[in-house]
Structure formats: C-alpha cells, structure tokens
PDB file of N, CA and C in Angstrom:
ATOM      1  N   MET A   1     135.105  85.257  14.456  1.00  0.00           N
ATOM      2  CA  MET A   1     133.897  85.247  15.426  1.00  0.00           C
ATOM      3  C   MET A   1     132.934  86.500  15.265  1.00  0.00           C
ATOM      4  N   SER A   2     131.936  86.233  15.438  1.00  0.00           N
ATOM      5  CA  SER A   2     130.837  87.359  15.320  1.00  0.00           C
ATOM      6  C   SER A   2     130.586  88.378  16.278  1.00  0.00           C
ATOM      7  N   LYS A   3     130.622  89.484  16.018  1.00  0.00           N
ATOM      8  CA  LYS A   3     130.544  90.540  17.128  1.00  0.00           C
ATOM      9  C   LYS A   3     129.258  90.560  17.816  1.00  0.00           C
ATOM     10  N   LYS A   4     128.036  89.907  17.043  1.00  0.00           N
ATOM     11  CA  LYS A   4     126.841  89.810  17.910  1.00  0.00           C
ATOM     12  C   LYS A   4     126.720  88.508  18.526  1.00  0.00           C
ATOM     13  N   GLN A   5     127.015  88.251  19.403  1.00  0.00           N
ATOM     14  CA  GLN A   5     126.758  87.071  20.217  1.00  0.00           C
ATOM     15  C   GLN A   5     125.903  87.133  21.328  1.00  0.00           C
ATOM     16  N   SER A   6     124.804  86.136  21.493  1.00  0.00           N
ATOM     17  CA  SER A   6     123.721  86.207  22.437  1.00  0.00           C
ATOM     18  C   SER A   6     124.446  86.111  23.973  1.00  0.00           C
ATOM     19  N   ASP A   7     124.353  86.999  24.767  1.00  0.00           N
ATOM     20  CA  ASP A   7     124.871  87.063  26.139  1.00  0.00           C
ATOM     21  C   ASP A   7     123.840  86.339  27.022  1.00  0.00           C
ATOM     22  N   LYS A   8     124.007  84.892  27.315  1.00  0.00           N
ATOM     23  CA  LYS A   8     122.959  84.206  28.260  1.00  0.00           C
ATOM     24  C   LYS A   8     123.466  84.397  29.622  1.00  0.00           C
ATOM     25  N   LYS A   9     124.411  85.097  30.023  1.00  0.00           N
ATOM     26  CA  LYS A   9     124.824  85.357  31.586  1.00  0.00           C
ATOM     27  C   LYS A   9     124.694  86.723  31.855  1.00  0.00           C
ATOM     28  N   GLY A  10     123.861  87.607  31.113  1.00  0.00           N
ATOM     29  CA  GLY A  10     123.534  88.956  31.417  1.00  0.00           C
ATOM     30  C   GLY A  10     124.894  89.882  31.825  1.00  0.00           C
ATOM     31  N   GLY A  11     125.909  89.630  30.971  1.00  0.00           N
ATOM     32  CA  GLY A  11     127.248  90.386  31.342  1.00  0.00           C
ATOM     33  C   GLY A  11     127.987  90.164  32.367  1.00  0.00           C
ATOM     34  N   ILE A  12     127.561  88.972  33.022  1.00  0.00           N
ATOM     35  CA  ILE A  12     128.546  88.523  34.222  1.00  0.00           C
ATOM     36  C   ILE A  12     129.647  87.882  33.708  1.00  0.00           C
ATOM     37  N   VAL A  13     130.623  88.091  34.172  1.00  0.00           N
ATOM     38  CA  VAL A  13     131.895  87.426  33.847  1.00  0.00           C
ATOM     39  C   VAL A  13     132.361  86.472  35.146  1.00  0.00           C
ATOM     40  N   TYR A  14     132.442  87.120  36.248  1.00  0.00           N
ATOM     41  CA  TYR A  14     132.881  86.529  37.471  1.00  0.00           C
ATOM     42  C   TYR A  14     131.973  86.825  38.597  1.00  0.00           C
ATOM     43  N   SER A  15     131.914  86.109  39.691  1.00  0.00           N
ATOM     44  CA  SER A  15     131.241  86.278  40.921  1.00  0.00           C
ATOM     45  C   SER A  15     131.945  85.799  42.080  1.00  0.00           C
ATOM     46  N   THR A  16     131.991  86.606  43.060  1.00  0.00           N
ATOM     47  CA  THR A  16     132.622  86.219  44.255  1.00  0.00           C
ATOM     48  C   THR A  16     131.524  85.404  45.265  1.00  0.00           C
ATOM     49  N   ASP A  17     130.458  85.381  45.087  1.00  0.00           N
ATOM     50  CA  ASP A  17     129.285  84.978  45.739  1.00  0.00           C
ATOM     51  C   ASP A  17     129.206  83.238  45.631  1.00  0.00           C
ATOM     52  N   PRO A  18     129.445  82.618  46.658  1.00  0.00           N
ATOM     53  CA  PRO A  18     129.746  81.040  46.561  1.00  0.00           C
ATOM     54  C   PRO A  18     128.222  80.578  46.114  1.00  0.00           C
ATOM     55  N   THR A  19     127.110  81.198  46.549  1.00  0.00           N
ATOM     56  CA  THR A  19     125.771  80.515  46.340  1.00  0.00           C
ATOM     57  C   THR A  19     125.276  81.135  44.842  1.00  0.00           C
ATOM     58  N   PHE A  20     125.968  81.865  44.025  1.00  0.00           N
ATOM     59  CA  PHE A  20     125.466  82.442  42.685  1.00  0.00           C
ATOM     60  C   PHE A  20     125.607  81.333  41.634  1.00  0.00           C
ATOM     61  N   SER A  21     124.565  81.243  41.042  1.00  0.00           N
ATOM     62  CA  SER A  21     124.516  80.339  39.760  1.00  0.00           C
ATOM     63  C   SER A  21     123.884  81.036  38.692  1.00  0.00           C
ATOM     64  N   PHE A  22     124.331  80.568  37.342  1.00  0.00           N
ATOM     65  CA  PHE A  22     123.961  81.128  36.066  1.00  0.00           C
ATOM     66  C   PHE A  22     122.614  80.622  35.552  1.00  0.00           C
ATOM     67  N   GLU A  23     121.637  80.649  36.179  1.00  0.00           N
ATOM     68  CA  GLU A  23     120.186  80.395  36.032  1.00  0.00           C
ATOM     69  C   GLU A  23     119.626  81.573  35.213  1.00  0.00           C
ATOM     70  N   ASP A  24     118.881  80.903  34.252  1.00  0.00           N
ATOM     71  CA  ASP A  24     117.985  82.009  33.303  1.00  0.00           C
ATOM     72  C   ASP A  24     116.764  82.302  34.346  1.00  0.00           C
ATOM     73  N   GLU A  25     117.030  83.426  35.203  1.00  0.00           N
ATOM     74  CA  GLU A  25     115.944  84.019  35.862  1.00  0.00           C
ATOM     75  C   GLU A  25     115.058  84.634  35.336  1.00  0.00           C
ATOM     76  N   GLY A  26     115.515  85.626  34.489  1.00  0.00           N
ATOM     77  CA  GLY A  26     114.444  86.499  33.665  1.00  0.00           C
ATOM     78  C   GLY A  26     113.881  85.705  32.504  1.00  0.00           C
ATOM     79  N   VAL A  27     114.242  84.567  32.158  1.00  0.00           N
ATOM     80  CA  VAL A  27     113.745  83.824  30.970  1.00  0.00           C
ATOM     81  C   VAL A  27     112.503  83.073  31.572  1.00  0.00           C
ATOM     82  N   ASN A  28     111.276  83.581  31.260  1.00  0.00           N
ATOM     83  CA  ASN A  28     110.139  82.524  31.618  1.00  0.00           C
ATOM     84  C   ASN A  28     109.439  82.041  30.219  1.00  0.00           C
ATOM     85  N   ASP A  29     109.005  81.078  30.221  1.00  0.00           N
ATOM     86  CA  ASP A  29     108.337  80.452  29.125  1.00  0.00           C
ATOM     87  C   ASP A  29     106.914  81.089  29.051  1.00  0.00           C
ATOM     88  N   VAL A  30     106.701  82.047  28.081  1.00  0.00           N
ATOM     89  CA  VAL A  30     105.447  82.966  27.781  1.00  0.00           C
ATOM     90  C   VAL A  30     104.883  81.971  26.497  1.00  0.00           C
ATOM     91  N   GLN A  31     103.657  81.353  27.047  1.00  0.00           N
ATOM     92  CA  GLN A  31     102.887  80.703  26.068  1.00  0.00           C
ATOM     93  C   GLN A  31     102.024  81.968  25.156  1.00  0.00           C
ATOM     94  N   THR A  32     101.905  81.637  23.853  1.00  0.00           N
ATOM     95  CA  THR A  32     101.203  82.492  23.107  1.00  0.00           C
ATOM     96  C   THR A  32      99.707  82.242  23.257  1.00  0.00           C
ATOM     97  N   ILE A  33      99.051  83.171  23.662  1.00  0.00           N
ATOM     98  CA  ILE A  33      97.664  83.275  23.899  1.00  0.00           C
ATOM     99  C   ILE A  33      96.662  83.070  22.763  1.00  0.00           C
ATOM    100  N   ASP A  34      95.709  82.692  22.846  1.00  0.00           N
ATOM    101  CA  ASP A  34      94.703  82.553  21.525  1.00  0.00           C
ATOM    102  C   ASP A  34      94.573  83.815  20.711  1.00  0.00           C
ATOM    103  N   LYS A  35      94.455  83.722  19.585  1.00  0.00           N
ATOM    104  CA  LYS A  35      94.280  84.820  18.784  1.00  0.00           C
ATOM    105  C   LYS A  35      92.948  85.928  18.830  1.00  0.00           C
ATOM    106  N   LYS A  36      92.070  85.253  19.505  1.00  0.00           N
ATOM    107  CA  LYS A  36      90.769  85.944  19.542  1.00  0.00           C
ATOM    108  C   LYS A  36      90.986  86.812  20.818  1.00  0.00           C
ATOM    109  N   ASP A  37      92.012  86.368  21.655  1.00  0.00           N
ATOM    110  CA  ASP A  37      92.256  87.263  23.018  1.00  0.00           C
ATOM    111  C   ASP A  37      93.563  88.051  22.808  1.00  0.00           C
ATOM    112  N   GLN A  38      94.117  88.246  21.607  1.00  0.00           N
ATOM    113  CA  GLN A  38      95.318  89.285  21.632  1.00  0.00           C
ATOM    114  C   GLN A  38      94.824  90.485  21.645  1.00  0.00           C
ATOM    115  N   PRO A  39      95.259  91.419  22.625  1.00  0.00           N
ATOM    116  CA  PRO A  39      94.792  92.723  22.304  1.00  0.00           C
ATOM    117  C   PRO A  39      95.739  93.673  21.467  1.00  0.00           C
ATOM    118  N   LEU A  40      95.825  93.487  20.387  1.00  0.00           N
ATOM    119  CA  LEU A  40      96.702  93.977  19.317  1.00  0.00           C
ATOM    120  C   LEU A  40      96.398  95.589  19.234  1.00  0.00           C
ATOM    121  N   ILE A  41      97.061  96.379  19.246  1.00  0.00           N
ATOM    122  CA  ILE A  41      96.864  98.075  18.922  1.00  0.00           C
ATOM    123  C   ILE A  41      97.381  98.111  17.778  1.00  0.00           C
ATOM    124  N   ILE A  42      97.028  98.993  16.580  1.00  0.00           N
ATOM    125  CA  ILE A  42      97.510  99.204  15.406  1.00  0.00           C
ATOM    126  C   ILE A  42      97.678 100.802  15.321  1.00  0.00           C
ATOM    127  N   LYS A  43      98.703 101.305  15.258  1.00  0.00           N
ATOM    128  CA  LYS A  43      98.738 102.812  15.084  1.00  0.00           C
ATOM    129  C   LYS A  43     100.039 103.224  14.080  1.00  0.00           C
ATOM    130  N   ILE A  44      99.958 104.622  14.003  1.00  0.00           N
ATOM    131  CA  ILE A  44     100.904 105.211  12.815  1.00  0.00           C
ATOM    132  C   ILE A  44     101.786 105.939  13.851  1.00  0.00           C
ATOM    133  N   ASP A  45     103.052 105.998  13.271  1.00  0.00           N
ATOM    134  CA  ASP A  45     104.120 106.649  14.051  1.00  0.00           C
ATOM    135  C   ASP A  45     104.906 107.397  12.937  1.00  0.00           C
ATOM    136  N   ARG A  46     105.347 108.633  13.241  1.00  0.00           N
ATOM    137  CA  ARG A  46     106.197 109.271  12.285  1.00  0.00           C
ATOM    138  C   ARG A  46     107.457 109.983  13.148  1.00  0.00           C
ATOM    139  N   LYS A  47     107.376 109.611  14.380  1.00  0.00           N
ATOM    140  CA  LYS A  47     108.670 110.421  15.166  1.00  0.00           C
ATOM    141  C   LYS A  47     109.766 109.746  14.735  1.00  0.00           C
ATOM    142  N   GLN A  48     111.075 110.503  14.755  1.00  0.00           N
ATOM    143  CA  GLN A  48     112.275 110.152  14.372  1.00  0.00           C
ATOM    144  C   GLN A  48     112.521 109.310  13.203  1.00  0.00           C
ATOM    145  N   ARG A  49     111.466 109.569  12.216  1.00  0.00           N
ATOM    146  CA  ARG A  49     111.796 108.893  10.775  1.00  0.00           C
ATOM    147  C   ARG A  49     111.612 109.605   9.678  1.00  0.00           C
ATOM    148  N   ALA A  50     111.795 110.912  10.058  1.00  0.00           N
ATOM    149  CA  ALA A  50     112.148 112.162   8.874  1.00  0.00           C
ATOM    150  C   ALA A  50     110.629 112.106   8.217  1.00  0.00           C
ATOM    151  N   GLY A  51     109.764 112.049   9.016  1.00  0.00           N
ATOM    152  CA  GLY A  51     108.341 112.268   8.472  1.00  0.00           C
ATOM    153  C   GLY A  51     107.527 111.082   7.788  1.00  0.00           C
ATOM    154  N   LYS A  52     108.439 110.197   7.653  1.00  0.00           N
ATOM    155  CA  LYS A  52     107.906 108.976   7.003  1.00  0.00           C
ATOM    156  C   LYS A  52     106.919 108.127   7.654  1.00  0.00           C
ATOM    157  N   ALA A  53     105.808 107.592   7.401  1.00  0.00           N
ATOM    158  CA  ALA A  53     104.789 106.966   8.261  1.00  0.00           C
ATOM    159  C   ALA A  53     105.237 105.488   8.481  1.00  0.00           C
ATOM    160  N   VAL A  54     105.177 104.817   9.587  1.00  0.00           N
ATOM    161  CA  VAL A  54     105.444 103.520   9.891  1.00  0.00           C
ATOM    162  C   VAL A  54     104.234 103.021  10.802  1.00  0.00           C
ATOM    163  N   THR A  55     103.538 101.960  10.485  1.00  0.00           N
ATOM    164  CA  THR A  55     102.491 101.362  11.065  1.00  0.00           C
ATOM    165  C   THR A  55     103.154 100.424  12.136  1.00  0.00           C
ATOM    166  N   LEU A  56     102.663 100.532  13.298  1.00  0.00           N
ATOM    167  CA  LEU A  56     102.913  99.775  14.400  1.00  0.00           C
ATOM    168  C   LEU A  56     101.924  98.759  14.912  1.00  0.00           C
ATOM    169  N   ILE A  57     102.260  97.683  15.417  1.00  0.00           N
ATOM    170  CA  ILE A  57     101.259  96.815  15.899  1.00  0.00           C
ATOM    171  C   ILE A  57     102.036  96.108  17.222  1.00  0.00           C
ATOM    172  N   GLU A  58     101.179  96.827  18.241  1.00  0.00           N
ATOM    173  CA  GLU A  58     101.651  96.424  19.680  1.00  0.00           C
ATOM    174  C   GLU A  58     100.755  95.430  20.480  1.00  0.00           C
ATOM    175  N   GLY A  59     101.223  94.954  21.410  1.00  0.00           N
ATOM    176  CA  GLY A  59     100.231  94.177  22.193  1.00  0.00           C
ATOM    177  C   GLY A  59     100.341  92.988  22.320  1.00  0.00           C
ATOM    178  N   PHE A  60     101.097  92.210  21.374  1.00  0.00           N
ATOM    179  CA  PHE A  60     101.227  90.833  21.126  1.00  0.00           C
ATOM    180  C   PHE A  60     101.686  90.102  22.444  1.00  0.00           C
ATOM    181  N   ILE A  61     101.001  89.021  22.777  1.00  0.00           N
ATOM    182  CA  ILE A  61     101.416  88.404  24.063  1.00  0.00           C
ATOM    183  C   ILE A  61     101.812  86.874  23.593  1.00  0.00           C
ATOM    184  N   GLY A  62     103.120  86.645  23.796  1.00  0.00           N
ATOM    185  CA  GLY A  62     103.535  85.205  23.431  1.00  0.00           C
ATOM    186  C   GLY A  62     104.878  84.910  22.893  1.00  0.00           C
ATOM    187  N   LYS A  63     105.339  84.041  22.395  1.00  0.00           N
ATOM    188  CA  LYS A  63     106.557  83.508  22.105  1.00  0.00           C
ATOM    189  C   LYS A  63     107.205  84.602  20.921  1.00  0.00           C
ATOM    190  N   GLU A  64     108.450  84.992  21.052  1.00  0.00           N
ATOM    191  CA  GLU A  64     108.924  85.398  20.039  1.00  0.00           C
ATOM    192  C   GLU A  64     108.962  84.927  18.627  1.00  0.00           C
ATOM    193  N   GLU A  65     109.006  83.523  18.362  1.00  0.00           N
ATOM    194  CA  GLU A  65     108.816  83.046  17.240  1.00  0.00           C
ATOM    195  C   GLU A  65     107.673  83.344  16.480  1.00  0.00           C
ATOM    196  N   ASP A  66     106.591  83.191  17.364  1.00  0.00           N
ATOM    197  CA  ASP A  66     105.164  83.760  16.888  1.00  0.00           C
ATOM    198  C   ASP A  66     105.130  84.958  16.391  1.00  0.00           C
ATOM    199  N   LEU A  67     105.639  85.855  17.269  1.00  0.00           N
ATOM    200  CA  LEU A  67     105.837  87.212  16.914  1.00  0.00           C
ATOM    201  C   LEU A  67     106.558  87.452  15.441  1.00  0.00           C
ATOM    202  N   GLU A  68     107.461  87.066  15.317  1.00  0.00           N
ATOM    203  CA  GLU A  68     108.487  86.878  14.102  1.00  0.00           C
ATOM    204  C   GLU A  68     107.512  86.535  12.989  1.00  0.00           C
ATOM    205  N   ALA A  69     106.712  85.291  13.177  1.00  0.00           N
ATOM    206  CA  ALA A  69     105.950  84.728  12.168  1.00  0.00           C
ATOM    207  C   ALA A  69     104.967  85.662  11.852  1.00  0.00           C
ATOM    208  N   LEU A  70     104.042  86.296  12.613  1.00  0.00           N
ATOM    209  CA  LEU A  70     103.042  87.226  12.330  1.00  0.00           C
ATOM    210  C   LEU A  70     103.695  88.354  11.684  1.00  0.00           C
ATOM    211  N   GLY A  71     104.741  88.927  12.151  1.00  0.00           N
ATOM    212  CA  GLY A  71     105.416  89.991  11.191  1.00  0.00           C
ATOM    213  C   GLY A  71     105.648  89.800  10.031  1.00  0.00           C
ATOM    214  N   LYS A  72     106.103  88.533   9.580  1.00  0.00           N
ATOM    215  CA  LYS A  72     106.594  88.087   8.351  1.00  0.00           C
ATOM    216  C   LYS A  72     105.114  88.001   7.367  1.00  0.00           C
ATOM    217  N   ASP A  73     104.095  87.520   8.131  1.00  0.00           N
ATOM    218  CA  ASP A  73     102.675  87.270   7.304  1.00  0.00           C
ATOM    219  C   ASP A  73     102.208  88.771   7.131  1.00  0.00           C
ATOM    220  N   LEU A  74     102.430  89.590   7.847  1.00  0.00           N
ATOM    221  CA  LEU A  74     101.982  91.009   7.720  1.00  0.00           C
ATOM    222  C   LEU A  74     102.569  91.762   6.620  1.00  0.00           C
ATOM    223  N   LYS A  75     103.878  91.712   6.568  1.00  0.00           N
ATOM    224  CA  LYS A  75     104.660  92.295   5.460  1.00  0.00           C
ATOM    225  C   LYS A  75     104.425  91.735   4.131  1.00  0.00           C
ATOM    226  N   THR A  76     104.346  90.169   4.216  1.00  0.00           N
ATOM    227  CA  THR A  76     103.969  89.778   2.762  1.00  0.00           C
ATOM    228  C   THR A  76     102.547  90.155   2.248  1.00  0.00           C
ATOM    229  N   HIS A  77     101.699  90.282   3.370  1.00  0.00           N
ATOM    230  CA  HIS A  77     100.177  90.856   2.804  1.00  0.00           C
ATOM    231  C   HIS A  77     100.097  92.334   2.328  1.00  0.00           C
ATOM    232  N   CYS A  78     101.089  93.027   2.949  1.00  0.00           N
ATOM    233  CA  CYS A  78     101.033  94.573   2.664  1.00  0.00           C
ATOM    234  C   CYS A  78     101.921  94.701   1.399  1.00  0.00           C
ATOM    235  N   GLY A  79     102.837  93.772   1.297  1.00  0.00           N
ATOM    236  CA  GLY A  79     103.943  93.846   0.167  1.00  0.00           C
ATOM    237  C   GLY A  79     105.027  94.885   0.354  1.00  0.00           C
ATOM    238  N   THR A  80     105.037  95.359   1.680  1.00  0.00           N
ATOM    239  CA  THR A  80     106.236  96.232   2.148  1.00  0.00           C
ATOM    240  C   THR A  80     107.124  95.617   2.957  1.00  0.00           C
ATOM    241  N   GLY A  81     108.247  96.257   3.470  1.00  0.00           N
ATOM    242  CA  GLY A  81     109.105  96.007   4.258  1.00  0.00           C
ATOM    243  C   GLY A  81     108.716  96.339   5.730  1.00  0.00           C
ATOM    244  N   GLY A  82     109.535  95.755   6.629  1.00  0.00           N
ATOM    245  CA  GLY A  82     109.383  96.106   7.998  1.00  0.00           C
ATOM    246  C   GLY A  82     110.216  95.240   8.850  1.00  0.00           C
ATOM    247  N   SER A  83     110.043  95.317  10.343  1.00  0.00           N
ATOM    248  CA  SER A  83     110.762  94.554  11.294  1.00  0.00           C
ATOM    249  C   SER A  83     109.976  94.202  12.501  1.00  0.00           C
ATOM    250  N   VAL A  84     110.574  93.407  13.254  1.00  0.00           N
ATOM    251  CA  VAL A  84     110.308  93.068  14.740  1.00  0.00           C
ATOM    252  C   VAL A  84     111.093  93.539  15.430  1.00  0.00           C
ATOM    253  N   LYS A  85     110.994  94.517  16.482  1.00  0.00           N
ATOM    254  CA  LYS A  85     111.861  94.903  17.529  1.00  0.00           C
ATOM    255  C   LYS A  85     111.041  95.087  18.753  1.00  0.00           C
ATOM    256  N   ASP A  86     111.744  94.611  19.912  1.00  0.00           N
ATOM    257  CA  ASP A  86     111.305  94.845  21.189  1.00  0.00           C
ATOM    258  C   ASP A  86     109.783  94.655  21.285  1.00  0.00           C
ATOM    259  N   GLY A  87     109.102  93.523  20.741  1.00  0.00           N
ATOM    260  CA  GLY A  87     107.707  93.122  21.076  1.00  0.00           C
ATOM    261  C   GLY A  87     106.875  94.034  20.028  1.00  0.00           C
ATOM    262  N   ILE A  88     107.233  94.762  19.141  1.00  0.00           N
ATOM    263  CA  ILE A  88     106.424  95.554  18.183  1.00  0.00           C
ATOM    264  C   ILE A  88     106.964  95.349  16.813  1.00  0.00           C
ATOM    265  N   ILE A  89     105.791  95.067  15.985  1.00  0.00           N
ATOM    266  CA  ILE A  89     105.903  94.886  14.641  1.00  0.00           C
ATOM    267  C   ILE A  89     105.710  96.311  13.897  1.00  0.00           C
ATOM    268  N   LEU A  90     107.057  96.531  13.131  1.00  0.00           N
ATOM    269  CA  LEU A  90     107.049  97.666  12.187  1.00  0.00           C
ATOM    270  C   LEU A  90     106.720  97.375  10.876  1.00  0.00           C
ATOM    271  N   ILE A  91     105.722  98.197  10.270  1.00  0.00           N
ATOM    272  CA  ILE A  91     105.527  97.972   8.673  1.00  0.00           C
ATOM    273  C   ILE A  91     105.595  99.178   8.307  1.00  0.00           C
ATOM    274  N   GLN A  92     106.430  99.407   6.936  1.00  0.00           N
ATOM    275  CA  GLN A  92     106.660 100.535   6.407  1.00  0.00           C
ATOM    276  C   GLN A  92     105.285 101.060   5.812  1.00  0.00           C
ATOM    277  N   GLY A  93     105.163 102.348   5.898  1.00  0.00           N
ATOM    278  CA  GLY A  93     104.034 102.987   5.354  1.00  0.00           C
ATOM    279  C   GLY A  93     102.752 103.006   6.075  1.00  0.00           C
ATOM    280  N   ASP A  94     101.754 103.819   5.675  1.00  0.00           N
ATOM    281  CA  ASP A  94     100.483 103.920   6.262  1.00  0.00           C
ATOM    282  C   ASP A  94      99.496 102.799   5.893  1.00  0.00           C
ATOM    283  N   GLN A  95      99.468 101.603   6.482  1.00  0.00           N
ATOM    284  CA  GLN A  95      98.974 100.474   6.259  1.00  0.00           C
ATOM    285  C   GLN A  95      97.866 100.054   7.251  1.00  0.00           C
ATOM    286  N   ILE A  96      97.387 101.300   8.020  1.00  0.00           N
ATOM    287  CA  ILE A  96      96.626 100.673   9.191  1.00  0.00           C
ATOM    288  C   ILE A  96      95.097 100.080   8.939  1.00  0.00           C
ATOM    289  N   GLU A  97      94.502 100.500   7.886  1.00  0.00           N
ATOM    290  CA  GLU A  97      93.201  99.971   7.556  1.00  0.00           C
ATOM    291  C   GLU A  97      93.318  98.492   6.902  1.00  0.00           C
ATOM    292  N   LYS A  98      94.375  98.350   6.120  1.00  0.00           N
ATOM    293  CA  LYS A  98      94.587  97.175   5.563  1.00  0.00           C
ATOM    294  C   LYS A  98      95.031  96.200   6.583  1.00  0.00           C
ATOM    295  N   LEU A  99      95.892  96.674   7.397  1.00  0.00           N
ATOM    296  CA  LEU A  99      96.198  95.567   8.760  1.00  0.00           C
ATOM    297  C   LEU A  99      95.285  95.275   9.477  1.00  0.00           C
ATOM    298  N   CYS A 100      94.221  96.166   9.797  1.00  0.00           N
ATOM    299  CA  CYS A 100      93.221  96.004  10.724  1.00  0.00           C
ATOM    300  C   CYS A 100      92.201  94.970  10.118  1.00  0.00           C
ATOM    301  N   THR A 101      91.831  95.037   8.873  1.00  0.00           N
ATOM    302  CA  THR A 101      90.843  94.283   8.240  1.00  0.00           C
ATOM    303  C   THR A 101      91.531  92.739   8.163  1.00  0.00           C
ATOM    304  N   TYR A 102      92.678  92.672   7.888  1.00  0.00           N
ATOM    305  CA  TYR A 102      93.532  91.676   7.555  1.00  0.00           C
ATOM    306  C   TYR A 102      93.369  90.600   8.967  1.00  0.00           C
ATOM    307  N   LEU A 103      93.824  91.483  10.162  1.00  0.00           N
ATOM    308  CA  LEU A 103      94.034  90.963  11.231  1.00  0.00           C
ATOM    309  C   LEU A 103      92.662  90.187  11.822  1.00  0.00           C
ATOM    310  N   GLN A 104      91.707  90.921  11.664  1.00  0.00           N
ATOM    311  CA  GLN A 104      90.433  90.556  11.915  1.00  0.00           C
ATOM    312  C   GLN A 104      89.975  89.380  11.101  1.00  0.00           C
ATOM    313  N   LYS A 105      90.126  89.248  10.003  1.00  0.00           N
ATOM    314  CA  LYS A 105      89.979  88.173   9.209  1.00  0.00           C
ATOM    315  C   LYS A 105      90.768  86.964   9.499  1.00  0.00           C
ATOM    316  N   LYS A 106      91.922  86.958  10.093  1.00  0.00           N
ATOM    317  CA  LYS A 106      92.680  85.938  10.461  1.00  0.00           C
ATOM    318  C   LYS A 106      92.271  85.586  12.098  1.00  0.00           C
ATOM    319  N   GLY A 107      91.391  86.408  12.696  1.00  0.00           N
ATOM    320  CA  GLY A 107      90.879  85.700  13.789  1.00  0.00           C
ATOM    321  C   GLY A 107      91.419  86.676  15.120  1.00  0.00           C
ATOM    322  N   PHE A 108      92.071  87.735  15.047  1.00  0.00           N
ATOM    323  CA  PHE A 108      92.559  88.526  16.058  1.00  0.00           C
ATOM    324  C   PHE A 108      91.298  89.571  16.022  1.00  0.00           C
ATOM    325  N   LEU A 109      90.346  89.006  17.162  1.00  0.00           N
ATOM    326  CA  LEU A 109      89.168  89.855  17.099  1.00  0.00           C
ATOM    327  C   LEU A 109      89.298  91.212  18.010  1.00  0.00           C
ATOM    328  N   LYS A 110      90.386  91.227  18.816  1.00  0.00           N
ATOM    329  CA  LYS A 110      90.566  92.484  19.490  1.00  0.00           C
ATOM    330  C   LYS A 110      91.558  93.406  18.890  1.00  0.00           C
ATOM    331  N   ALA A 111      91.943  93.198  17.657  1.00  0.00           N
ATOM    332  CA  ALA A 111      92.778  94.155  16.970  1.00  0.00           C
ATOM    333  C   ALA A 111      92.071  95.339  16.769  1.00  0.00           C
ATOM    334  N   ARG A 112      92.517  96.492  17.208  1.00  0.00           N
ATOM    335  CA  ARG A 112      91.831  97.894  16.842  1.00  0.00           C
ATOM    336  C   ARG A 112      92.746  98.914  16.760  1.00  0.00           C
ATOM    337  N   LYS A 113      92.359 100.092  16.141  1.00  0.00           N
ATOM    338  CA  LYS A 113      93.119 101.076  15.914  1.00  0.00           C
ATOM    339  C   LYS A 113      93.525 102.080  17.307  1.00  0.00           C
ATOM    340  N   GLY A 114      94.950 102.442  17.171  1.00  0.00           N
ATOM    341  CA  GLY A 114      95.237 103.286  18.460  1.00  0.00           C
ATOM    342  C   GLY A 114      95.420 104.631  17.954  1.00  0.00           C
ATOM    343  N   ARG A 115      95.833 105.516  18.960  1.00  0.00           N
ATOM    344  CA  ARG A 115      96.221 106.694  18.686  1.00  0.00           C
ATOM    345  C   ARG A 115      97.586 107.069  18.449  1.00  0.00           C
TER     346      ARG A 115
END
C-alpha cells in the first residue's frame, strides 16, 4: 500500500452530525483562462536554496493539468530541471530572460518580470 494516498475526505474519518456529507466543497472547476489574459510573473529566488538560483513563474489561473503541461514545456525549452508546486512553476537556474521571451512568443502577453 502506498504511503501517499490522495485524501478526498479532508482527513475526516467519522462525523456525529446527521446532516454531514462528504461533498467536495473545496473543489471547484476552475477553467483555464486564455493565454493572453494570464497574468504570469517571472522572478528569481535564492532563499533557502543554498544560494542557488531558481526561476519562479507565478500567477497561472487554470487547471492543474494545464499548469503541469506548461511546466513541462518550459523545462524542455530551457533544458533544465524543475517542478510544479502549489501553483508555482520552478525552473532551475537563472532563466528569466529566456522564459520571458518564450512565453511572450507562445501568446502569454501579460508575462512580465517580477521582483
């Protein structure tokens, strides 16, 4: 049995409330908005990474699958590793210029450099 199992009940095992139900209240179907309307912010982070630079892409609005696909596309373009965590795409190294121009070519017109 895998240690990592998705918890669809939010950790609730038992409830004494007779009107309680296990509906997915927190899950709403967020639709991915158009590329030209995505307010992406690209910035460098070195905190808690032993001084190594990581490029962060924040502000994506949409489905988790689309975010994962964008992250994979960006990692392939830069030829580096990275990951997608908590709605943020992390790309190893200082790739801010390369990512900014690539995203704008792909149609993300609101992609801009952050602080």
